[in-house]
N, C-alpha and C. Protein backbone atom coordinates (compact mmCIF):
# COMPACT_ATOMS: atom_id res chain seq x y z
N UNK A 1 146.72 158.11 117.18
CA UNK A 1 145.65 159.19 117.69
C UNK A 1 144.61 158.96 116.13
N UNK A 2 143.06 158.96 117.37
CA UNK A 2 141.80 158.82 116.27
C UNK A 2 141.47 160.66 115.50
N UNK A 3 141.06 160.34 114.51
CA UNK A 3 140.75 161.01 113.73
C UNK A 3 139.24 160.78 113.17
N UNK A 4 138.34 161.89 112.94
CA UNK A 4 137.60 162.01 112.54
C UNK A 4 136.98 162.81 111.10
N UNK A 5 135.96 162.22 110.24
CA UNK A 5 135.72 162.63 109.26
C UNK A 5 134.43 162.60 108.89
N UNK A 6 134.01 163.55 107.67
CA UNK A 6 132.64 163.23 107.33
C UNK A 6 132.35 161.99 106.87
N UNK A 7 133.66 160.81 106.69
CA UNK A 7 132.85 159.11 106.65
C UNK A 7 132.43 158.59 108.05
N UNK A 8 132.81 159.30 109.13
CA UNK A 8 132.68 159.09 110.66
C UNK A 8 133.48 157.54 110.37
N UNK A 9 135.05 157.85 110.28
CA UNK A 9 136.04 156.56 110.41
C UNK A 9 136.85 156.95 111.35
N UNK A 10 137.44 155.54 112.50
CA UNK A 10 138.33 155.84 113.43
C UNK A 10 139.38 154.73 112.76
N UNK A 11 140.72 155.50 113.02
CA UNK A 11 142.05 154.29 112.39
C UNK A 11 141.42 154.02 111.24
N UNK A 12 141.08 154.54 110.29
CA UNK A 12 140.40 153.49 109.07
C UNK A 12 139.30 152.68 108.89
N UNK A 13 138.39 152.73 109.91
CA UNK A 13 137.66 151.66 110.41
C UNK A 13 136.57 152.20 110.74
N UNK A 14 135.07 151.50 109.50
CA UNK A 14 133.97 152.83 110.19
C UNK A 14 132.99 152.44 111.49
N UNK A 15 132.89 153.70 111.53
CA UNK A 15 132.02 153.35 112.86
C UNK A 15 130.31 153.06 112.80
N UNK A 16 130.06 152.29 114.13
CA UNK A 16 128.70 151.39 114.28
C UNK A 16 128.19 152.43 114.78
N UNK A 17 126.54 152.37 115.10
CA UNK A 17 126.03 153.05 116.18
C UNK A 17 126.04 153.31 117.44
N UNK A 18 127.05 151.78 118.13
CA UNK A 18 127.26 151.68 119.20
C UNK A 18 128.49 152.37 119.68
N UNK A 19 129.14 152.82 118.97
CA UNK A 19 130.28 153.74 118.84
C UNK A 19 129.84 155.35 118.88
N UNK A 20 128.41 155.60 118.70
CA UNK A 20 128.23 157.19 118.65
C UNK A 20 127.22 156.95 119.88
N UNK A 21 126.21 156.08 119.56
CA UNK A 21 125.27 156.21 121.02
C UNK A 21 125.39 155.67 122.10
N UNK A 22 125.71 155.46 123.35
CA UNK A 22 126.62 154.52 124.19
C UNK A 22 125.62 154.27 125.32
N UNK A 23 124.02 154.41 125.02
CA UNK A 23 123.47 153.39 125.65
C UNK A 23 122.53 152.56 125.01
N UNK A 24 122.12 151.46 125.66
CA UNK A 24 121.97 149.93 124.78
C UNK A 24 120.01 150.61 124.69
N UNK A 25 119.45 151.02 125.76
CA UNK A 25 118.32 151.73 125.65
C UNK A 25 118.16 153.07 124.52
N UNK A 26 119.00 153.95 124.73
CA UNK A 26 119.41 154.74 123.61
C UNK A 26 118.67 154.11 121.61
N UNK A 27 120.10 153.41 121.89
CA UNK A 27 120.10 152.25 120.60
C UNK A 27 118.39 151.68 120.29
N UNK A 28 117.91 151.27 120.53
CA UNK A 28 117.05 150.71 121.04
C UNK A 28 115.54 151.50 120.63
N UNK A 29 115.83 152.48 121.51
CA UNK A 29 114.89 153.74 120.74
C UNK A 29 114.57 153.93 119.74
N UNK A 30 115.73 154.68 118.76
CA UNK A 30 115.98 155.26 117.80
C UNK A 30 116.02 153.77 117.00
N UNK A 31 116.15 152.54 117.28
CA UNK A 31 115.85 151.53 116.07
C UNK A 31 114.22 151.29 115.81
N UNK A 32 113.55 150.95 116.87
CA UNK A 32 112.20 151.57 117.36
C UNK A 32 111.13 152.65 116.28
N UNK A 33 112.25 153.75 116.32
CA UNK A 33 111.46 154.75 115.89
C UNK A 33 111.59 154.91 114.19
N UNK A 34 112.72 154.15 113.30
CA UNK A 34 113.02 153.89 112.46
C UNK A 34 112.33 152.58 111.96
N UNK A 35 112.32 151.78 112.55
CA UNK A 35 111.05 150.52 112.33
C UNK A 35 109.31 151.06 111.81
N UNK A 36 108.80 152.09 112.83
CA UNK A 36 108.02 153.10 112.64
C UNK A 36 107.76 153.65 111.82
N UNK A 37 108.87 154.54 111.67
CA UNK A 37 108.38 155.42 110.33
C UNK A 37 108.82 154.71 109.07
N UNK A 38 109.79 153.48 109.18
CA UNK A 38 109.71 153.05 107.49
C UNK A 38 108.73 152.19 106.97
N UNK A 39 107.84 151.40 108.35
CA UNK A 39 106.71 150.91 108.27
C UNK A 39 105.91 152.48 108.01
N UNK A 40 105.52 153.49 108.24
CA UNK A 40 104.98 154.59 107.84
C UNK A 40 104.69 154.76 106.29
N UNK A 41 106.08 154.91 105.63
CA UNK A 41 105.98 154.40 104.39
C UNK A 41 105.67 153.90 103.73
N UNK A 42 106.21 152.05 104.39
CA UNK A 42 105.63 150.85 103.81
C UNK A 42 104.54 151.14 103.58
N UNK A 43 103.72 151.15 104.05
CA UNK A 43 102.10 151.06 104.34
C UNK A 43 101.56 152.17 103.44
N UNK A 44 101.61 153.10 103.80
CA UNK A 44 101.31 154.02 101.95
C UNK A 44 101.22 153.29 101.13
N UNK A 45 102.53 153.24 100.74
CA UNK A 45 102.59 152.40 99.57
C UNK A 45 102.24 151.15 99.15
N UNK A 46 101.47 150.13 100.53
CA UNK A 46 100.72 148.79 99.92
C UNK A 46 99.20 148.98 99.65
N UNK A 47 99.15 150.41 100.96
CA UNK A 47 97.89 150.59 100.60
C UNK A 47 97.25 151.78 99.24
N UNK A 48 98.13 152.54 98.54
CA UNK A 48 98.10 152.94 97.57
C UNK A 48 98.05 151.70 96.47
N UNK A 49 98.70 150.52 96.42
CA UNK A 49 98.83 149.39 95.58
C UNK A 49 97.56 148.70 95.63
N UNK A 50 97.29 148.15 96.30
CA UNK A 50 96.05 146.86 96.63
C UNK A 50 95.08 147.77 96.96
N UNK A 51 94.81 149.33 97.54
CA UNK A 51 93.56 150.29 98.12
C UNK A 51 92.88 148.68 98.68
N UNK A 52 93.71 148.97 100.38
CA UNK A 52 93.02 148.30 101.17
C UNK A 52 92.12 148.77 102.07
N UNK A 53 91.38 150.03 101.66
CA UNK A 53 90.29 150.71 102.37
C UNK A 53 90.52 151.80 103.55
N UNK A 54 92.01 152.05 103.75
CA UNK A 54 92.37 152.46 104.82
C UNK A 54 92.03 154.32 104.01
N UNK A 55 93.16 155.07 103.22
CA UNK A 55 92.84 155.85 102.71
C UNK A 55 93.17 155.70 101.14
N UNK A 56 93.28 154.56 100.34
CA UNK A 56 93.11 154.27 99.86
C UNK A 56 91.45 153.09 99.13
N UNK A 57 90.83 153.75 98.28
CA UNK A 57 89.36 152.72 98.50
C UNK A 57 90.07 151.77 97.28
N UNK A 58 89.88 150.64 97.23
CA UNK A 58 89.95 149.35 96.29
C UNK A 58 89.82 149.77 94.97
N UNK A 59 88.55 150.54 94.89
CA UNK A 59 88.45 151.12 92.89
C UNK A 59 89.74 151.40 92.72
N UNK A 60 90.08 152.50 93.89
CA UNK A 60 91.55 153.38 93.18
C UNK A 60 92.57 153.11 93.41
N UNK A 61 92.49 151.67 93.67
CA UNK A 61 94.01 151.05 93.82
C UNK A 61 95.00 151.51 92.82
N UNK A 62 96.13 151.30 92.36
CA UNK A 62 97.06 151.43 91.81
C UNK A 62 96.60 150.21 91.30
N UNK A 63 96.85 149.09 91.08
CA UNK A 63 96.88 147.62 90.55
C UNK A 63 95.07 147.36 89.93
N UNK A 64 93.99 148.74 90.16
CA UNK A 64 92.86 148.76 89.38
C UNK A 64 93.43 149.71 88.15
N UNK A 65 94.27 150.15 88.55
CA UNK A 65 94.18 151.42 87.37
C UNK A 65 94.23 152.95 87.94
N UNK A 66 94.13 153.19 89.46
CA UNK A 66 94.07 153.85 90.24
C UNK A 66 95.59 154.96 90.06
N UNK A 67 95.35 156.46 90.22
CA UNK A 67 96.35 157.22 89.99
C UNK A 67 97.12 157.59 91.17
N UNK A 68 97.77 157.17 92.07
CA UNK A 68 98.02 157.07 93.50
C UNK A 68 98.52 159.08 93.79
N UNK A 69 99.27 159.33 92.84
CA UNK A 69 99.92 161.06 92.96
C UNK A 69 99.17 162.07 92.35
N UNK A 70 98.58 161.62 91.33
CA UNK A 70 97.29 161.95 90.55
C UNK A 70 96.39 163.11 91.48
N UNK A 71 95.62 162.44 91.37
CA UNK A 71 94.68 162.78 92.34
C UNK A 71 94.70 163.45 93.62
N UNK A 72 95.29 163.27 94.41
CA UNK A 72 96.16 164.51 95.24
C UNK A 72 96.59 165.75 94.34
N UNK A 73 97.41 166.07 93.84
CA UNK A 73 98.22 166.55 92.91
C UNK A 73 97.02 167.63 92.45
N UNK A 74 96.21 166.74 91.35
CA UNK A 74 95.20 167.63 90.75
C UNK A 74 93.85 168.47 91.77
N UNK A 75 94.18 168.02 93.05
CA UNK A 75 93.77 168.48 93.93
C UNK A 75 94.14 169.84 94.86
N UNK A 76 95.48 169.84 94.43
CA UNK A 76 96.26 171.63 94.86
C UNK A 76 95.97 172.69 94.43
N UNK A 77 95.81 173.32 95.45
CA UNK A 77 95.03 174.74 95.10
C UNK A 77 95.62 175.76 95.94
N UNK A 78 96.69 175.75 96.31
CA UNK A 78 97.58 176.96 96.48
C UNK A 78 98.77 177.68 95.84
N UNK A 79 99.13 177.83 96.63
CA UNK A 79 100.25 179.05 95.82
C UNK A 79 101.28 177.85 94.52
N UNK A 80 101.22 176.60 95.01
CA UNK A 80 102.40 175.89 94.48
C UNK A 80 101.80 175.36 93.37
N UNK A 81 100.26 175.21 93.03
CA UNK A 81 99.83 174.91 92.18
C UNK A 81 100.13 174.28 91.08
N UNK A 82 101.11 175.27 90.28
CA UNK A 82 101.43 175.03 89.00
C UNK A 82 102.86 174.36 89.00
N UNK A 83 103.74 174.69 90.18
CA UNK A 83 104.73 173.52 89.95
C UNK A 83 104.18 172.23 90.01
N UNK A 84 103.45 171.55 91.17
CA UNK A 84 103.17 170.41 91.34
C UNK A 84 102.40 169.58 90.13
N UNK A 85 102.07 170.72 89.41
CA UNK A 85 101.38 169.91 88.09
C UNK A 85 102.09 169.27 87.16
N UNK A 86 103.60 169.71 87.29
CA UNK A 86 104.54 168.55 86.53
C UNK A 86 104.36 167.33 86.51
N UNK A 87 104.22 167.03 88.13
CA UNK A 87 104.00 165.76 88.55
C UNK A 87 102.70 164.99 88.03
N UNK A 88 101.86 165.17 87.68
CA UNK A 88 100.51 164.82 87.46
C UNK A 88 100.10 163.93 86.28
N UNK A 89 100.45 163.04 86.67
CA UNK A 89 100.76 162.24 85.17
C UNK A 89 101.20 161.05 85.92
N UNK A 90 101.43 160.05 84.66
CA UNK A 90 101.77 158.17 85.18
C UNK A 90 103.07 158.65 85.79
N UNK A 91 104.42 158.96 84.75
CA UNK A 91 105.64 159.02 85.55
C UNK A 91 105.37 159.60 87.03
N UNK A 92 105.09 160.66 87.38
CA UNK A 92 104.79 161.09 88.39
C UNK A 92 104.12 160.12 89.71
N UNK A 93 103.11 159.26 89.07
CA UNK A 93 102.46 158.25 90.20
C UNK A 93 103.71 157.21 90.56
N UNK A 94 104.37 157.31 89.16
CA UNK A 94 105.26 155.37 89.53
C UNK A 94 106.75 156.55 90.13
N UNK A 95 107.09 157.19 90.30
CA UNK A 95 108.03 158.33 91.27
C UNK A 95 107.64 158.32 92.40
N UNK A 96 106.42 158.52 92.74
CA UNK A 96 105.47 158.87 93.79
C UNK A 96 105.74 157.32 94.51
N UNK A 97 105.05 156.16 94.00
CA UNK A 97 105.11 154.80 94.10
C UNK A 97 106.91 154.20 94.30
N UNK A 98 107.75 154.93 93.83
CA UNK A 98 108.95 154.21 94.41
C UNK A 98 109.25 154.63 94.85
N UNK A 99 109.18 156.30 95.41
CA UNK A 99 109.52 156.80 96.29
C UNK A 99 108.99 155.97 97.83
N UNK A 100 107.31 156.07 98.04
CA UNK A 100 106.90 155.71 99.08
C UNK A 100 107.75 154.07 99.21
N UNK A 101 107.89 153.07 98.06
CA UNK A 101 108.67 152.04 98.45
C UNK A 101 109.92 152.10 99.07
N UNK A 102 110.49 152.82 98.04
CA UNK A 102 112.11 152.60 98.85
C UNK A 102 112.57 153.67 99.71
N UNK A 103 111.98 154.45 100.27
CA UNK A 103 112.22 154.91 101.88
C UNK A 103 111.62 153.82 102.49
N UNK A 104 110.27 153.21 102.56
CA UNK A 104 110.09 152.20 103.47
C UNK A 104 110.83 151.40 103.60
N UNK A 105 111.18 150.79 102.48
CA UNK A 105 111.92 149.28 102.76
C UNK A 105 113.56 149.58 103.57
N UNK A 106 114.29 150.56 103.02
CA UNK A 106 115.37 151.25 103.49
C UNK A 106 114.92 151.99 105.50
N UNK A 107 114.12 152.27 105.39
CA UNK A 107 114.00 152.38 106.82
C UNK A 107 113.89 150.72 108.04
N UNK A 108 113.04 150.30 106.83
CA UNK A 108 112.85 148.96 107.87
C UNK A 108 113.59 147.70 107.51
N UNK A 109 114.50 148.03 107.00
CA UNK A 109 116.03 147.26 106.62
C UNK A 109 116.77 147.76 107.78
N UNK A 110 116.86 148.98 107.60
CA UNK A 110 118.50 149.82 108.27
C UNK A 110 119.65 149.54 107.21
N UNK A 111 118.70 149.75 105.74
CA UNK A 111 120.68 150.05 105.26
C UNK A 111 120.15 151.14 104.46
N UNK A 112 120.70 151.61 103.80
CA UNK A 112 120.35 153.40 103.08
C UNK A 112 119.57 154.14 103.73
N UNK A 113 120.16 154.02 105.02
CA UNK A 113 119.19 155.44 105.47
C UNK A 113 119.56 157.10 105.08
N UNK A 114 120.70 157.17 104.41
CA UNK A 114 120.91 158.68 104.44
C UNK A 114 120.03 158.65 103.35
N UNK A 115 119.74 158.28 101.90
CA UNK A 115 119.72 158.41 101.10
C UNK A 115 117.94 158.45 101.25
N UNK A 116 117.42 157.36 102.27
CA UNK A 116 115.97 157.42 102.63
C UNK A 116 115.70 158.58 103.27
N UNK A 117 116.82 159.50 104.21
CA UNK A 117 116.59 160.27 105.01
C UNK A 117 116.30 161.80 103.94
N UNK A 118 116.64 161.50 103.07
CA UNK A 118 117.26 162.50 102.21
C UNK A 118 115.83 162.58 101.17
N UNK A 119 115.78 161.27 100.56
CA UNK A 119 114.64 161.33 99.76
C UNK A 119 113.45 161.66 100.41
N UNK A 120 113.06 161.04 101.46
CA UNK A 120 111.50 161.35 102.22
C UNK A 120 111.69 162.76 102.97
N UNK A 121 112.97 163.06 103.12
CA UNK A 121 112.48 164.97 103.90
C UNK A 121 111.58 165.28 102.29
N UNK A 122 112.83 165.45 101.40
CA UNK A 122 112.11 165.98 100.28
C UNK A 122 110.39 165.65 99.90
N UNK A 123 110.13 164.40 99.92
CA UNK A 123 109.24 163.98 100.10
C UNK A 123 107.83 164.90 100.70
N UNK A 124 108.24 164.80 101.98
CA UNK A 124 107.13 165.15 103.22
C UNK A 124 107.47 166.97 102.90
N UNK A 125 108.73 167.70 102.36
CA UNK A 125 108.61 169.12 102.10
C UNK A 125 107.83 169.48 100.53
N UNK A 126 107.83 168.42 99.67
CA UNK A 126 106.84 168.71 98.65
C UNK A 126 105.01 168.66 99.18
N UNK A 127 104.59 167.50 100.03
CA UNK A 127 103.84 167.34 100.37
C UNK A 127 103.23 168.67 101.64
N UNK A 128 104.32 169.38 102.33
CA UNK A 128 104.01 170.58 103.10
C UNK A 128 103.95 171.11 102.44
N UNK A 129 104.33 171.74 101.38
CA UNK A 129 103.81 172.69 100.51
C UNK A 129 102.73 172.78 99.63
N UNK A 130 102.60 171.30 98.98
CA UNK A 130 101.20 171.42 98.66
C UNK A 130 100.03 171.56 99.18
N UNK A 131 99.84 171.96 100.78
CA UNK A 131 99.22 171.98 101.52
C UNK A 131 98.86 173.07 101.95
N UNK A 132 99.68 174.33 101.75
CA UNK A 132 99.82 175.47 101.53
C UNK A 132 99.09 176.07 101.00
N UNK A 133 97.61 177.49 101.73
CA UNK A 133 98.25 177.53 103.03
C UNK A 133 97.39 176.94 104.02
N UNK A 134 98.11 176.28 105.02
CA UNK A 134 97.88 175.58 106.10
C UNK A 134 95.90 175.66 106.76
N UNK A 135 95.19 175.11 106.86
CA UNK A 135 94.34 174.76 106.90
C UNK A 135 93.79 175.47 108.06
N UNK A 136 93.35 176.57 109.26
CA UNK A 136 93.30 177.26 110.10
C UNK A 136 92.46 176.25 110.78
N UNK A 137 92.28 176.38 112.11
CA UNK A 137 91.71 175.78 113.04
C UNK A 137 92.42 174.16 113.22
N UNK A 138 93.42 173.83 112.50
CA UNK A 138 94.62 173.07 113.01
C UNK A 138 94.78 173.06 114.06
N UNK A 139 95.71 171.89 114.69
CA UNK A 139 96.36 172.66 115.88
C UNK A 139 97.53 173.88 116.00
N UNK A 140 98.23 173.59 114.64
CA UNK A 140 99.85 174.51 114.67
C UNK A 140 99.41 174.85 113.38
N UNK A 141 99.13 176.18 112.50
CA UNK A 141 99.58 176.16 111.38
C UNK A 141 100.63 176.74 111.11
N UNK A 142 101.84 175.75 111.64
CA UNK A 142 103.24 175.95 110.58
C UNK A 142 103.96 174.74 110.48
N UNK A 143 104.04 174.47 112.00
CA UNK A 143 104.68 172.53 112.29
C UNK A 143 103.27 171.61 112.21
N UNK A 144 103.59 171.01 111.18
CA UNK A 144 102.72 169.78 111.31
C UNK A 144 103.54 168.19 111.72
N UNK A 145 102.55 167.31 111.15
CA UNK A 145 103.24 165.66 111.30
C UNK A 145 104.70 165.62 110.43
N UNK A 146 104.45 166.67 108.80
CA UNK A 146 105.66 166.32 107.92
C UNK A 146 106.87 166.78 108.21
N UNK A 147 106.69 167.63 109.13
CA UNK A 147 108.05 168.14 109.62
C UNK A 147 108.66 167.02 110.86
N UNK A 148 107.89 166.59 111.44
CA UNK A 148 107.80 165.41 112.88
C UNK A 148 108.69 163.97 111.96
N UNK A 149 107.61 163.83 110.92
CA UNK A 149 108.31 162.80 110.21
C UNK A 149 109.68 163.09 109.45
N UNK A 150 109.91 164.19 108.81
CA UNK A 150 110.90 164.60 108.39
C UNK A 150 112.41 165.00 109.65
N UNK A 151 112.04 164.96 110.52
CA UNK A 151 113.32 164.99 111.56
C UNK A 151 113.60 163.65 112.00
N UNK A 152 112.30 162.92 112.18
CA UNK A 152 113.07 161.34 112.70
C UNK A 152 113.31 160.59 111.73
N UNK A 153 113.47 160.83 110.11
CA UNK A 153 113.90 159.83 109.02
C UNK A 153 115.73 160.75 109.30
N UNK A 154 116.02 161.84 109.52
CA UNK A 154 117.02 162.76 109.48
C UNK A 154 117.40 162.28 111.09
N UNK A 155 117.23 161.86 111.79
CA UNK A 155 118.10 161.13 113.06
C UNK A 155 118.34 159.64 113.28
N UNK A 156 117.89 159.55 112.39
CA UNK A 156 117.60 157.72 112.19
C UNK A 156 118.76 157.70 111.65
N UNK A 157 119.07 158.39 110.38
CA UNK A 157 120.19 158.40 109.28
C UNK A 157 121.17 159.03 110.19
N UNK A 158 121.25 159.72 110.63
CA UNK A 158 122.42 160.94 111.64
C UNK A 158 123.06 159.81 112.55
N UNK A 159 121.90 158.90 113.36
CA UNK A 159 122.30 158.27 114.71
C UNK A 159 122.56 156.66 114.11
N UNK A 160 122.29 156.31 112.80
CA UNK A 160 122.76 155.03 112.86
C UNK A 160 121.88 154.07 113.54
N UNK A 161 121.32 154.33 113.21
CA UNK A 161 120.15 153.84 113.85
C UNK A 161 119.65 152.00 113.11
N UNK A 162 120.21 151.72 111.97
CA UNK A 162 120.00 150.45 111.16
C UNK A 162 120.41 149.40 111.60
N UNK A 163 122.08 149.88 112.87
CA UNK A 163 122.72 148.93 113.24
C UNK A 163 121.92 148.18 113.90
N UNK A 164 121.09 148.53 114.69
CA UNK A 164 120.07 147.90 115.95
C UNK A 164 119.04 147.13 115.12
N UNK A 165 118.90 145.97 115.28
CA UNK A 165 117.54 145.52 114.29
C UNK A 165 117.69 145.85 113.39
N UNK A 166 119.08 145.82 112.35
CA UNK A 166 118.57 145.78 111.15
C UNK A 166 119.54 145.59 110.48
N UNK A 167 119.20 145.57 109.41
CA UNK A 167 120.87 145.47 108.56
C UNK A 167 122.36 146.54 108.69
N UNK A 168 122.55 147.30 108.95
CA UNK A 168 123.39 149.07 109.21
C UNK A 168 124.43 148.30 109.05
N UNK A 169 124.86 147.49 110.26
CA UNK A 169 126.47 147.06 110.02
C UNK A 169 127.04 146.26 108.91
N UNK A 170 126.20 145.41 108.80
CA UNK A 170 126.25 144.58 107.19
C UNK A 170 126.31 145.48 106.03
N UNK A 171 125.69 146.79 105.59
CA UNK A 171 125.76 147.51 104.90
C UNK A 171 126.58 147.92 105.03
N UNK A 172 126.69 148.74 105.96
CA UNK A 172 128.09 149.31 106.11
C UNK A 172 129.43 148.58 105.84
N UNK A 173 129.84 146.99 105.96
CA UNK A 173 130.49 146.31 105.37
C UNK A 173 130.98 146.73 104.07
N UNK A 174 129.75 146.76 102.87
CA UNK A 174 129.68 146.37 101.70
C UNK A 174 129.63 147.92 101.14
N UNK A 175 129.24 148.88 101.78
CA UNK A 175 129.20 150.26 100.99
C UNK A 175 129.83 151.54 101.89
N UNK A 176 130.70 151.11 102.44
CA UNK A 176 131.49 151.66 103.76
C UNK A 176 130.69 152.78 104.17
N UNK A 177 130.78 154.31 104.59
CA UNK A 177 130.53 155.10 105.29
C UNK A 177 129.52 156.08 104.42
N UNK A 178 129.32 155.41 103.07
CA UNK A 178 129.30 156.94 101.75
C UNK A 178 127.72 157.23 102.50
N UNK A 179 127.27 158.39 101.06
CA UNK A 179 125.79 158.13 101.63
C UNK A 179 125.01 157.57 101.40
N UNK A 180 125.64 156.03 100.56
CA UNK A 180 124.50 154.84 100.54
C UNK A 180 124.44 154.47 101.92
N UNK A 181 124.81 155.10 102.61
CA UNK A 181 125.12 154.08 104.44
C UNK A 181 123.77 154.31 104.47
């Protein structure tokens, strides 16, 4: 008799993506989505660290004494202005940069997707709240790219997308199907 628990086990064995996503094309599409969203976070980390000139000019790079989170936070004017000021310090920069690196690396490697999805969704929620009220004249005043990115993180974690083109199966053997999966 097959059993299903919160740990996604069948007969005491951890299941894998090919057990829950039945078509190879869907598994590859999910893996591609995971890699793309992982690279999005990883690239933001690298650009803010080195100041590659895309979103962060060289002189504002973290390695040149820039403050990757503080500049954004100090510009918040919405209803959550006071809340976000607790992050406007060097510790806030470290937490922000560690988050970008950790989320990006986990998604790229396909290991630790549940934790990456949780922390990534929280980071994206904070960024969304920091931008309230949303600017008029945008394409949608309620749903923006933060929600699309968050749902992609969640989909990748819940479908075990790290098992395809990633270290997900190997990682599952090490940690089981805990929240570290």
